């Protein structure tokens, strides 16, 4: 009891001064999470409750069945004629197709952001900015979920991903456009539409090009 009485009022904080070893921190960072061979599983693992309840050895087979189910119940999210049911259904029956990524973005109301570890670059897959961001990393020929996507990342040209995903469609502009063909409009026509939509027609003190105004009008309508 004398020992306890001697130290009970001692306010030394030796334990607070103990620093966690950097090697312990590194070990935690280096724990390998399970990667996926098919990028579709990034979507399904994040948004499908049934998937989360399965044992690990059941998940791959479930993903295959889920993709076939999606192919059988196609939904048209205001797509243009090039992004059609046949293309999407064929893509869902294989792995790592751009058409599948674009379709699952709409189905799950998200925007997949791909970080390619080999190039140290980020890629936004959907042209829609009003959906939730879903992150993934490509490393060692596998896909891993990535939760720390910041809002200020530098977006790069999605065409650079042609070494790691299959471009069964060559663009992510897959929606019906608000405007007709650009040849139908004069520059002044587009300027007037921009003013009505509160789109800035200037860039660094210079007027934007006709094609830039055209693209911005369409993009803003898609995101409304």
Protein backbone atom coordinates (compact mmCIF):
# COMPACT_ATOMS: atom_id res chain seq x y z
CA UNK A 1 0.00 0.00 0.00
CA UNK A 2 2.90 2.35 0.76
CA UNK A 3 4.09 1.83 -2.81
CA UNK A 4 0.68 2.85 -4.20
CA UNK A 5 0.42 5.86 -1.91
CA UNK A 6 3.87 6.99 -3.04
CA UNK A 7 3.01 7.11 -6.72
CA UNK A 8 -0.73 7.77 -6.95
CA UNK A 9 -0.29 11.55 -7.20
CA UNK A 10 2.68 11.37 -9.55
CA UNK A 11 1.88 13.26 -12.76
CA UNK A 12 4.85 12.18 -14.89
CA UNK A 13 3.85 11.50 -18.49
CA UNK A 14 6.62 9.18 -19.63
CA UNK A 15 4.28 7.04 -21.71
CA UNK A 16 3.08 10.07 -23.69
CA UNK A 17 6.64 10.56 -24.89
CA UNK A 18 6.88 7.09 -26.44
CA UNK A 19 6.83 7.41 -30.24
CA UNK A 20 5.35 4.76 -32.45
CA UNK A 21 8.01 3.09 -34.55
CA UNK A 22 8.01 4.16 -38.18
CA UNK A 23 8.61 0.52 -38.99
CA UNK A 24 5.29 -0.46 -37.40
CA UNK A 25 3.58 2.23 -39.47
CA UNK A 26 5.28 0.96 -42.63
CA UNK A 27 4.23 -2.60 -41.86
CA UNK A 28 0.60 -1.50 -41.61
CA UNK A 29 0.83 0.32 -44.93
CA UNK A 30 2.39 -2.71 -46.60
CA UNK A 31 -0.34 -5.16 -45.62
CA UNK A 32 -1.67 -6.34 -48.98
CA UNK A 33 -5.38 -6.05 -49.50
CA UNK A 34 -7.13 -8.40 -51.84
CA UNK A 35 -7.11 -7.12 -55.39
CA UNK A 36 -9.57 -7.83 -58.20
CA UNK A 37 -8.90 -9.10 -61.70
CA UNK A 38 -12.05 -7.40 -62.98
CA UNK A 39 -12.65 -3.70 -62.35
CA UNK A 40 -16.40 -4.41 -62.16
CA UNK A 41 -15.82 -5.90 -58.73
CA UNK A 42 -14.75 -2.46 -57.46
CA UNK A 43 -18.30 -1.23 -58.10
CA UNK A 44 -20.06 -4.33 -56.81
CA UNK A 45 -17.94 -4.63 -53.66
CA UNK A 46 -18.73 -1.02 -52.73
CA UNK A 47 -22.44 -0.82 -53.56
CA UNK A 48 -23.94 -4.32 -53.46
CA UNK A 49 -25.08 -5.37 -49.98
CA UNK A 50 -25.47 -9.04 -50.93
CA UNK A 51 -21.84 -9.14 -52.05
CA UNK A 52 -20.67 -7.83 -48.68
CA UNK A 53 -22.47 -10.67 -46.86
CA UNK A 54 -20.78 -13.42 -48.88
CA UNK A 55 -17.74 -15.50 -48.01
CA UNK A 56 -14.64 -14.53 -49.98
CA UNK A 57 -14.68 -17.72 -52.04
CA UNK A 58 -18.23 -16.92 -53.21
CA UNK A 59 -17.68 -13.35 -54.34
CA UNK A 60 -16.14 -13.86 -57.77
CA UNK A 61 -18.95 -16.16 -58.88
CA UNK A 62 -21.51 -13.69 -57.53
CA UNK A 63 -19.96 -10.87 -59.56
CA UNK A 64 -20.22 -12.90 -62.75
CA UNK A 65 -23.90 -13.57 -62.10
CA UNK A 66 -24.53 -9.93 -61.18
CA UNK A 67 -23.04 -8.73 -64.46
CA UNK A 68 -25.20 -11.16 -66.43
CA UNK A 69 -28.22 -9.90 -64.48
CA UNK A 70 -27.32 -6.31 -65.39
CA UNK A 71 -26.94 -7.30 -69.03
CA UNK A 72 -30.40 -8.87 -68.99
CA UNK A 73 -31.99 -5.78 -67.44
CA UNK A 74 -30.43 -3.00 -69.49
CA UNK A 75 -31.34 0.57 -68.58
CA UNK A 76 -30.87 3.50 -70.93
CA UNK A 77 -29.52 6.53 -69.08
CA UNK A 78 -30.13 8.91 -71.99
CA UNK A 79 -27.40 7.32 -74.10
CA UNK A 80 -26.57 8.19 -77.67
CA UNK A 81 -26.94 5.64 -80.46
CA UNK A 82 -23.30 4.51 -80.33
CA UNK A 83 -23.55 3.50 -76.70
CA UNK A 84 -26.23 0.90 -77.23
CA UNK A 85 -27.59 -2.16 -75.46
CA UNK A 86 -25.62 -4.62 -77.58
CA UNK A 87 -22.29 -2.94 -76.82
CA UNK A 88 -22.99 -2.77 -73.10
CA UNK A 89 -24.26 -6.34 -72.81
CA UNK A 90 -21.25 -7.72 -74.66
CA UNK A 91 -18.94 -5.68 -72.45
CA UNK A 92 -20.54 -6.99 -69.26
CA UNK A 93 -19.79 -10.56 -70.33
CA UNK A 94 -16.04 -9.88 -70.32
CA UNK A 95 -13.56 -8.13 -68.02
CA UNK A 96 -12.26 -4.57 -67.83
CA UNK A 97 -14.17 -2.99 -70.71
CA UNK A 98 -14.62 0.78 -70.86
CA UNK A 99 -18.30 0.33 -71.75
CA UNK A 100 -18.83 -1.60 -68.51
CA UNK A 101 -17.14 1.10 -66.43
CA UNK A 102 -19.28 3.81 -68.02
CA UNK A 103 -22.49 1.84 -67.59
CA UNK A 104 -21.78 0.94 -63.96
CA UNK A 105 -21.02 4.60 -63.25
CA UNK A 106 -24.62 5.37 -64.19
CA UNK A 107 -26.15 2.27 -62.63
CA UNK A 108 -24.55 2.98 -59.25
CA UNK A 109 -24.71 6.80 -59.59
CA UNK A 110 -20.98 7.25 -59.16
CA UNK A 111 -17.89 8.40 -61.03
CA UNK A 112 -15.01 5.94 -60.93
CA UNK A 113 -11.65 7.65 -60.46
CA UNK A 114 -8.76 5.42 -61.53
CA UNK A 115 -5.29 5.96 -60.08
CA UNK A 116 -2.61 4.25 -62.17
CA UNK A 117 0.25 3.57 -59.79
CA UNK A 118 2.70 3.05 -62.65
CA UNK A 119 2.15 6.50 -64.16
CA UNK A 120 1.19 8.26 -60.90
CA UNK A 121 -1.85 9.77 -62.63
CA UNK A 122 -5.58 10.06 -61.92
CA UNK A 123 -8.34 9.51 -64.48
CA UNK A 124 -11.99 10.50 -64.15
CA UNK A 125 -14.02 7.98 -66.15
CA UNK A 126 -17.37 9.77 -66.32
CA UNK A 127 -18.02 13.24 -67.69
CA UNK A 128 -20.66 13.71 -64.98
CA UNK A 129 -19.42 15.75 -62.03
CA UNK A 130 -22.51 15.50 -59.85
CA UNK A 131 -22.12 11.82 -58.88
CA UNK A 132 -20.24 10.35 -55.90
CA UNK A 133 -16.55 9.65 -56.45
CA UNK A 134 -15.50 6.01 -56.27
CA UNK A 135 -11.75 5.45 -56.19
CA UNK A 136 -9.58 2.55 -57.31
CA UNK A 137 -5.88 1.86 -57.86
CA UNK A 138 -4.35 -0.23 -60.63
CA UNK A 139 -1.25 -2.00 -59.35
CA UNK A 140 0.39 -5.35 -60.11
CA UNK A 141 -2.22 -5.99 -62.80
CA UNK A 142 -5.02 -5.86 -60.24
CA UNK A 143 -7.61 -3.38 -59.04
CA UNK A 144 -7.80 -2.17 -55.45
CA UNK A 145 -10.34 0.09 -53.76
CA UNK A 146 -8.99 3.53 -52.87
CA UNK A 147 -10.86 5.76 -50.43
CA UNK A 148 -8.66 8.86 -50.30
CA UNK A 149 -9.59 10.61 -53.54
CA UNK A 150 -9.17 14.36 -53.06
CA UNK A 151 -11.22 16.98 -54.85
CA UNK A 152 -8.22 18.78 -56.29
CA UNK A 153 -6.58 15.88 -58.15
CA UNK A 154 -5.33 16.57 -61.67
CA UNK A 155 -7.49 14.72 -64.17
CA UNK A 156 -5.79 13.19 -67.20
CA UNK A 157 -6.91 12.00 -70.63
CA UNK A 158 -8.83 8.75 -70.23
CA UNK A 159 -7.35 7.49 -73.53
CA UNK A 160 -4.07 6.96 -71.67
CA UNK A 161 -5.70 3.98 -69.95
CA UNK A 162 -5.73 1.89 -73.12
CA UNK A 163 -2.93 -0.29 -71.74
CA UNK A 164 -4.91 -1.40 -68.70
CA UNK A 165 -8.56 -1.42 -69.83
CA UNK A 166 -10.18 -2.51 -73.08
CA UNK A 167 -11.51 0.41 -75.14
CA UNK A 168 -14.52 -1.27 -76.73
CA UNK A 169 -15.78 2.31 -77.17
CA UNK A 170 -13.33 5.13 -77.87
CA UNK A 171 -14.92 7.92 -75.81
CA UNK A 172 -16.70 8.57 -72.53
CA UNK A 173 -19.07 11.05 -74.20
CA UNK A 174 -21.94 8.57 -74.33
CA UNK A 175 -25.03 10.72 -73.74
CA UNK A 176 -27.53 12.44 -75.98
CA UNK A 177 -26.25 15.99 -76.40
CA UNK A 178 -28.34 19.07 -75.73
CA UNK A 179 -27.09 20.83 -78.85
CA UNK A 180 -27.29 19.68 -82.45
CA UNK A 181 -24.15 19.24 -84.53
CA UNK A 182 -21.70 22.08 -83.98
CA UNK A 183 -21.94 23.06 -87.67
CA UNK A 184 -25.53 24.18 -87.03
CA UNK A 185 -24.37 27.07 -84.85
CA UNK A 186 -22.54 30.30 -85.37
CA UNK A 187 -20.19 31.61 -82.71
CA UNK A 188 -22.69 34.30 -81.67
CA UNK A 189 -25.39 31.64 -81.22
CA UNK A 190 -23.24 29.76 -78.74
CA UNK A 191 -22.28 32.97 -76.93
CA UNK A 192 -25.94 33.80 -76.39
CA UNK A 193 -26.65 30.30 -75.04
CA UNK A 194 -23.67 30.60 -72.70
CA UNK A 195 -24.96 33.89 -71.34
CA UNK A 196 -28.37 32.33 -70.68
CA UNK A 197 -26.69 29.43 -68.85
CA UNK A 198 -24.18 31.60 -66.93
CA UNK A 199 -21.21 30.01 -68.68
CA UNK A 200 -18.09 32.17 -68.83
CA UNK A 201 -17.11 32.80 -72.46
CA UNK A 202 -13.62 34.07 -71.54
CA UNK A 203 -10.46 32.20 -70.58
CA UNK A 204 -7.43 34.12 -69.34
CA UNK A 205 -8.70 37.31 -70.97
CA UNK A 206 -9.40 35.68 -74.35
CA UNK A 207 -12.64 34.44 -75.86
CA UNK A 208 -12.97 30.67 -75.75
CA UNK A 209 -12.99 28.72 -78.98
CA UNK A 210 -16.28 27.73 -80.59
CA UNK A 211 -15.76 24.03 -79.85
CA UNK A 212 -15.01 24.79 -76.19
CA UNK A 213 -18.25 26.75 -75.78
CA UNK A 214 -20.12 23.96 -77.54
CA UNK A 215 -18.64 21.31 -75.23
CA UNK A 216 -19.24 23.33 -72.07
CA UNK A 217 -22.90 23.89 -72.93
CA UNK A 218 -23.46 20.19 -73.51
CA UNK A 219 -21.54 19.21 -70.40
CA UNK A 220 -23.48 21.57 -68.18
CA UNK A 221 -26.77 20.17 -69.50
CA UNK A 222 -25.61 16.60 -68.85
CA UNK A 223 -24.77 17.51 -65.26
CA UNK A 224 -28.06 19.25 -64.52
